[in-house]
Amino acid sequence: MKWTDTREIALALSEAHPDTDPQSVRFTDLRDWVLALKGFDDDPKHCGEKILEAIQMAWIDETE
């Protein structure tokens, strides 16, 4: 997975953190959780607020 794979990341996060409300996750934690996902292989420096926001929104959509 790469930072641009927002939907795939959102699915993996919902599986890894099933009892977490994605709206309550801080971007610093979200970034760490994405980096820890199995199969994630991208440069941590390529992540910005816009990417984290897109991931969070996709995760919210997955939980609804």
PDB file of N, CA and C in Angstrom:
ATOM      1  N   MET A   1       0.829  -1.182   0.000  1.00  0.00           N
ATOM      2  CA  MET A   1       0.000   0.000   0.000  1.00  0.00           C
ATOM      3  C   MET A   1       0.874   1.246   0.000  1.00  0.00           C
ATOM      4  N   LYS A   2       0.347   2.254  -0.640  1.00  0.00           N
ATOM      5  CA  LYS A   2       0.982   3.565  -0.675  1.00  0.00           C
ATOM      6  C   LYS A   2       0.024   4.582  -0.054  1.00  0.00           C
ATOM      7  N   TRP A   3       0.530   5.780   0.239  1.00  0.00           N
ATOM      8  CA  TRP A   3      -0.297   6.818   0.853  1.00  0.00           C
ATOM      9  C   TRP A   3      -1.539   7.118   0.025  1.00  0.00           C
ATOM     10  N   THR A   4      -1.457   6.973  -1.281  1.00  0.00           N
ATOM     11  CA  THR A   4      -2.580   7.295  -2.155  1.00  0.00           C
ATOM     12  C   THR A   4      -3.663   6.210  -2.173  1.00  0.00           C
ATOM     13  N   ASP A   5      -3.420   5.079  -1.565  1.00  0.00           N
ATOM     14  CA  ASP A   5      -4.393   3.982  -1.512  1.00  0.00           C
ATOM     15  C   ASP A   5      -5.350   4.188  -0.336  1.00  0.00           C
ATOM     16  N   THR A   6      -6.038   5.317  -0.340  1.00  0.00           N
ATOM     17  CA  THR A   6      -6.833   5.711   0.824  1.00  0.00           C
ATOM     18  C   THR A   6      -7.915   4.700   1.174  1.00  0.00           C
ATOM     19  N   ARG A   7      -8.601   4.166   0.197  1.00  0.00           N
ATOM     20  CA  ARG A   7      -9.685   3.214   0.471  1.00  0.00           C
ATOM     21  C   ARG A   7      -9.123   1.931   1.085  1.00  0.00           C
ATOM     22  N   GLU A   8      -8.050   1.430   0.507  1.00  0.00           N
ATOM     23  CA  GLU A   8      -7.418   0.202   1.019  1.00  0.00           C
ATOM     24  C   GLU A   8      -6.883   0.418   2.441  1.00  0.00           C
ATOM     25  N   ILE A   9      -6.292   1.576   2.683  1.00  0.00           N
ATOM     26  CA  ILE A   9      -5.797   1.908   4.020  1.00  0.00           C
ATOM     27  C   ILE A   9      -6.952   1.989   5.000  1.00  0.00           C
ATOM     28  N   ALA A  10      -8.046   2.616   4.581  1.00  0.00           N
ATOM     29  CA  ALA A  10      -9.221   2.745   5.452  1.00  0.00           C
ATOM     30  C   ALA A  10      -9.765   1.375   5.841  1.00  0.00           C
ATOM     31  N   LEU A  11      -9.831   0.464   4.897  1.00  0.00           N
ATOM     32  CA  LEU A  11     -10.300  -0.893   5.193  1.00  0.00           C
ATOM     33  C   LEU A  11      -9.374  -1.584   6.189  1.00  0.00           C
ATOM     34  N   ALA A  12      -8.073  -1.438   5.974  1.00  0.00           N
ATOM     35  CA  ALA A  12      -7.105  -2.068   6.875  1.00  0.00           C
ATOM     36  C   ALA A  12      -7.192  -1.469   8.274  1.00  0.00           C
ATOM     37  N   LEU A  13      -7.392  -0.160   8.356  1.00  0.00           N
ATOM     38  CA  LEU A  13      -7.515   0.485   9.659  1.00  0.00           C
ATOM     39  C   LEU A  13      -8.784   0.044  10.384  1.00  0.00           C
ATOM     40  N   SER A  14      -9.870  -0.111   9.648  1.00  0.00           N
ATOM     41  CA  SER A  14     -11.120  -0.539  10.286  1.00  0.00           C
ATOM     42  C   SER A  14     -11.006  -1.966  10.816  1.00  0.00           C
ATOM     43  N   GLU A  15     -10.208  -2.789  10.151  1.00  0.00           N
ATOM     44  CA  GLU A  15      -9.964  -4.149  10.636  1.00  0.00           C
ATOM     45  C   GLU A  15      -9.003  -4.153  11.827  1.00  0.00           C
ATOM     46  N   ALA A  16      -7.994  -3.302  11.771  1.00  0.00           N
ATOM     47  CA  ALA A  16      -6.981  -3.271  12.830  1.00  0.00           C
ATOM     48  C   ALA A  16      -7.484  -2.582  14.097  1.00  0.00           C
ATOM     49  N   HIS A  17      -8.435  -1.660  13.941  1.00  0.00           N
ATOM     50  CA  HIS A  17      -8.949  -0.884  15.078  1.00  0.00           C
ATOM     51  C   HIS A  17     -10.484  -0.852  15.026  1.00  0.00           C
ATOM     52  N   PRO A  18     -11.120  -2.010  15.173  1.00  0.00           N
ATOM     53  CA  PRO A  18     -12.578  -2.096  14.969  1.00  0.00           C
ATOM     54  C   PRO A  18     -13.411  -1.302  15.978  1.00  0.00           C
ATOM     55  N   ASP A  19     -12.897  -1.063  17.157  1.00  0.00           N
ATOM     56  CA  ASP A  19     -13.675  -0.350  18.177  1.00  0.00           C
ATOM     57  C   ASP A  19     -13.325   1.130  18.265  1.00  0.00           C
ATOM     58  N   THR A  20     -12.601   1.626  17.273  1.00  0.00           N
ATOM     59  CA  THR A  20     -12.167   3.019  17.280  1.00  0.00           C
ATOM     60  C   THR A  20     -13.076   3.867  16.408  1.00  0.00           C
ATOM     61  N   ASP A  21     -13.479   5.015  16.928  1.00  0.00           N
ATOM     62  CA  ASP A  21     -14.227   5.996  16.150  1.00  0.00           C
ATOM     63  C   ASP A  21     -13.208   6.801  15.350  1.00  0.00           C
ATOM     64  N   PRO A  22     -13.201   6.681  14.019  1.00  0.00           N
ATOM     65  CA  PRO A  22     -12.183   7.365  13.225  1.00  0.00           C
ATOM     66  C   PRO A  22     -12.215   8.888  13.378  1.00  0.00           C
ATOM     67  N   GLN A  23     -13.352   9.436  13.769  1.00  0.00           N
ATOM     68  CA  GLN A  23     -13.449  10.882  13.949  1.00  0.00           C
ATOM     69  C   GLN A  23     -12.676  11.356  15.176  1.00  0.00           C
ATOM     70  N   SER A  24     -12.384  10.445  16.094  1.00  0.00           N
ATOM     71  CA  SER A  24     -11.691  10.825  17.323  1.00  0.00           C
ATOM     72  C   SER A  24     -10.179  10.623  17.245  1.00  0.00           C
ATOM     73  N   VAL A  25      -9.684  10.133  16.110  1.00  0.00           N
ATOM     74  CA  VAL A  25      -8.264   9.825  15.978  1.00  0.00           C
ATOM     75  C   VAL A  25      -7.495  11.074  15.537  1.00  0.00           C
ATOM     76  N   ARG A  26      -6.457  11.390  16.290  1.00  0.00           N
ATOM     77  CA  ARG A  26      -5.596  12.517  15.920  1.00  0.00           C
ATOM     78  C   ARG A  26      -4.736  12.118  14.726  1.00  0.00           C
ATOM     79  N   PHE A  27      -4.383  13.098  13.902  1.00  0.00           N
ATOM     80  CA  PHE A  27      -3.593  12.823  12.709  1.00  0.00           C
ATOM     81  C   PHE A  27      -2.232  12.217  13.051  1.00  0.00           C
ATOM     82  N   THR A  28      -1.660  12.592  14.176  1.00  0.00           N
ATOM     83  CA  THR A  28      -0.363  12.011  14.555  1.00  0.00           C
ATOM     84  C   THR A  28      -0.502  10.515  14.821  1.00  0.00           C
ATOM     85  N   ASP A  29      -1.607  10.132  15.474  1.00  0.00           N
ATOM     86  CA  ASP A  29      -1.857   8.707  15.722  1.00  0.00           C
ATOM     87  C   ASP A  29      -2.211   7.992  14.423  1.00  0.00           C
ATOM     88  N   LEU A  30      -3.033   8.628  13.612  1.00  0.00           N
ATOM     89  CA  LEU A  30      -3.442   8.035  12.342  1.00  0.00           C
ATOM     90  C   LEU A  30      -2.218   7.726  11.485  1.00  0.00           C
ATOM     91  N   ARG A  31      -1.305   8.658  11.420  1.00  0.00           N
ATOM     92  CA  ARG A  31      -0.079   8.462  10.640  1.00  0.00           C
ATOM     93  C   ARG A  31       0.699   7.260  11.171  1.00  0.00           C
ATOM     94  N   ASP A  32       0.851   7.180  12.477  1.00  0.00           N
ATOM     95  CA  ASP A  32       1.577   6.053  13.076  1.00  0.00           C
ATOM     96  C   ASP A  32       0.876   4.733  12.791  1.00  0.00           C
ATOM     97  N   TRP A  33      -0.451   4.725  12.876  1.00  0.00           N
ATOM     98  CA  TRP A  33      -1.205   3.497  12.630  1.00  0.00           C
ATOM     99  C   TRP A  33      -1.075   3.049  11.177  1.00  0.00           C
ATOM    100  N   VAL A  34      -1.087   3.996  10.256  1.00  0.00           N
ATOM    101  CA  VAL A  34      -0.922   3.648   8.839  1.00  0.00           C
ATOM    102  C   VAL A  34       0.471   3.061   8.613  1.00  0.00           C
ATOM    103  N   LEU A  35       1.472   3.709   9.172  1.00  0.00           N
ATOM    104  CA  LEU A  35       2.848   3.207   9.006  1.00  0.00           C
ATOM    105  C   LEU A  35       3.012   1.802   9.571  1.00  0.00           C
ATOM    106  N   ALA A  36       2.216   1.446  10.572  1.00  0.00           N
ATOM    107  CA  ALA A  36       2.313   0.133  11.207  1.00  0.00           C
ATOM    108  C   ALA A  36       1.509  -0.949  10.489  1.00  0.00           C
ATOM    109  N   LEU A  37       0.710  -0.564   9.513  1.00  0.00           N
ATOM    110  CA  LEU A  37      -0.123  -1.552   8.811  1.00  0.00           C
ATOM    111  C   LEU A  37       0.737  -2.542   8.035  1.00  0.00           C
ATOM    112  N   LYS A  38       0.353  -3.798   8.126  1.00  0.00           N
ATOM    113  CA  LYS A  38       1.022  -4.826   7.335  1.00  0.00           C
ATOM    114  C   LYS A  38       0.725  -4.549   5.862  1.00  0.00           C
ATOM    115  N   GLY A  39       1.736  -4.556   5.060  1.00  0.00           N
ATOM    116  CA  GLY A  39       1.558  -4.305   3.637  1.00  0.00           C
ATOM    117  C   GLY A  39       1.740  -2.857   3.238  1.00  0.00           C
ATOM    118  N   PHE A  40       1.892  -1.970   4.219  1.00  0.00           N
ATOM    119  CA  PHE A  40       2.125  -0.571   3.881  1.00  0.00           C
ATOM    120  C   PHE A  40       3.603  -0.381   3.603  1.00  0.00           C
ATOM    121  N   ASP A  41       3.901   0.214   2.451  1.00  0.00           N
ATOM    122  CA  ASP A  41       5.292   0.375   2.043  1.00  0.00           C
ATOM    123  C   ASP A  41       5.440   1.672   1.260  1.00  0.00           C
ATOM    124  N   ASP A  42       5.531   2.772   1.988  1.00  0.00           N
ATOM    125  CA  ASP A  42       5.720   4.060   1.342  1.00  0.00           C
ATOM    126  C   ASP A  42       6.567   4.936   2.255  1.00  0.00           C
ATOM    127  N   ASP A  43       7.103   5.966   1.692  1.00  0.00           N
ATOM    128  CA  ASP A  43       7.977   6.878   2.433  1.00  0.00           C
ATOM    129  C   ASP A  43       7.153   7.703   3.418  1.00  0.00           C
ATOM    130  N   PRO A  44       7.485   7.659   4.700  1.00  0.00           N
ATOM    131  CA  PRO A  44       6.742   8.448   5.683  1.00  0.00           C
ATOM    132  C   PRO A  44       6.759   9.938   5.392  1.00  0.00           C
ATOM    133  N   LYS A  45       7.765  10.402   4.687  1.00  0.00           N
ATOM    134  CA  LYS A  45       7.876  11.820   4.356  1.00  0.00           C
ATOM    135  C   LYS A  45       6.863  12.261   3.300  1.00  0.00           C
ATOM    136  N   HIS A  46       6.259  11.320   2.611  1.00  0.00           N
ATOM    137  CA  HIS A  46       5.291  11.655   1.559  1.00  0.00           C
ATOM    138  C   HIS A  46       3.884  11.864   2.099  1.00  0.00           C
ATOM    139  N   CYS A  47       3.760  11.891   3.393  1.00  0.00           N
ATOM    140  CA  CYS A  47       2.451  12.037   4.019  1.00  0.00           C
ATOM    141  C   CYS A  47       2.261  13.472   4.485  1.00  0.00           C
ATOM    142  N   GLY A  48       1.077  13.997   4.189  1.00  0.00           N
ATOM    143  CA  GLY A  48       0.731  15.333   4.653  1.00  0.00           C
ATOM    144  C   GLY A  48      -0.684  15.349   5.203  1.00  0.00           C
ATOM    145  N   GLU A  49      -1.103  16.501   5.642  1.00  0.00           N
ATOM    146  CA  GLU A  49      -2.422  16.636   6.252  1.00  0.00           C
ATOM    147  C   GLU A  49      -3.543  16.263   5.281  1.00  0.00           C
ATOM    148  N   LYS A  50      -3.387  16.632   4.012  1.00  0.00           N
ATOM    149  CA  LYS A  50      -4.429  16.304   3.016  1.00  0.00           C
ATOM    150  C   LYS A  50      -4.606  14.795   2.860  1.00  0.00           C
ATOM    151  N   ILE A  51      -3.510  14.084   2.840  1.00  0.00           N
ATOM    152  CA  ILE A  51      -3.573  12.626   2.696  1.00  0.00           C
ATOM    153  C   ILE A  51      -4.215  12.010   3.932  1.00  0.00           C
ATOM    154  N   LEU A  52      -3.810  12.460   5.106  1.00  0.00           N
ATOM    155  CA  LEU A  52      -4.390  11.925   6.340  1.00  0.00           C
ATOM    156  C   LEU A  52      -5.881  12.237   6.416  1.00  0.00           C
ATOM    157  N   GLU A  53      -6.268  13.406   5.971  1.00  0.00           N
ATOM    158  CA  GLU A  53      -7.688  13.760   5.967  1.00  0.00           C
ATOM    159  C   GLU A  53      -8.468  12.847   5.026  1.00  0.00           C
ATOM    160  N   ALA A  54      -7.905  12.566   3.858  1.00  0.00           N
ATOM    161  CA  ALA A  54      -8.570  11.671   2.898  1.00  0.00           C
ATOM    162  C   ALA A  54      -8.698  10.264   3.469  1.00  0.00           C
ATOM    163  N   ILE A  55      -7.665   9.792   4.150  1.00  0.00           N
ATOM    164  CA  ILE A  55      -7.711   8.468   4.774  1.00  0.00           C
ATOM    165  C   ILE A  55      -8.779   8.444   5.861  1.00  0.00           C
ATOM    166  N   GLN A  56      -8.804   9.485   6.692  1.00  0.00           N
ATOM    167  CA  GLN A  56      -9.786   9.545   7.771  1.00  0.00           C
ATOM    168  C   GLN A  56     -11.212   9.580   7.209  1.00  0.00           C
ATOM    169  N   MET A  57     -11.442  10.347   6.165  1.00  0.00           N
ATOM    170  CA  MET A  57     -12.782  10.417   5.566  1.00  0.00           C
ATOM    171  C   MET A  57     -13.190   9.064   4.971  1.00  0.00           C
ATOM    172  N   ALA A  58     -12.258   8.372   4.331  1.00  0.00           N
ATOM    173  CA  ALA A  58     -12.556   7.044   3.790  1.00  0.00           C
ATOM    174  C   ALA A  58     -12.857   6.063   4.919  1.00  0.00           C
ATOM    175  N   TRP A  59     -12.157   6.180   6.023  1.00  0.00           N
ATOM    176  CA  TRP A  59     -12.383   5.305   7.176  1.00  0.00           C
ATOM    177  C   TRP A  59     -13.757   5.593   7.770  1.00  0.00           C
ATOM    178  N   ILE A  60     -14.114   6.842   7.868  1.00  0.00           N
ATOM    179  CA  ILE A  60     -15.454   7.207   8.366  1.00  0.00           C
ATOM    180  C   ILE A  60     -16.526   6.609   7.466  1.00  0.00           C
ATOM    181  N   ASP A  61     -16.326   6.705   6.148  1.00  0.00           N
ATOM    182  CA  ASP A  61     -17.283   6.116   5.210  1.00  0.00           C
ATOM    183  C   ASP A  61     -17.407   4.604   5.414  1.00  0.00           C
ATOM    184  N   GLU A  62     -16.302   3.949   5.702  1.00  0.00           N
ATOM    185  CA  GLU A  62     -16.323   2.498   5.926  1.00  0.00           C
ATOM    186  C   GLU A  62     -17.108   2.113   7.174  1.00  0.00           C
ATOM    187  N   THR A  63     -17.100   2.962   8.173  1.00  0.00           N
ATOM    188  CA  THR A  63     -17.784   2.624   9.422  1.00  0.00           C
ATOM    189  C   THR A  63     -19.270   2.933   9.390  1.00  0.00           C
ATOM    190  N   GLU A  64     -19.697   3.674   8.404  1.00  0.00           N
ATOM    191  CA  GLU A  64     -21.136   4.036   8.323  1.00  0.00           C
ATOM    192  C   GLU A  64     -21.936   2.995   7.586  1.00  0.00           C
TER     193      GLU A  64
END
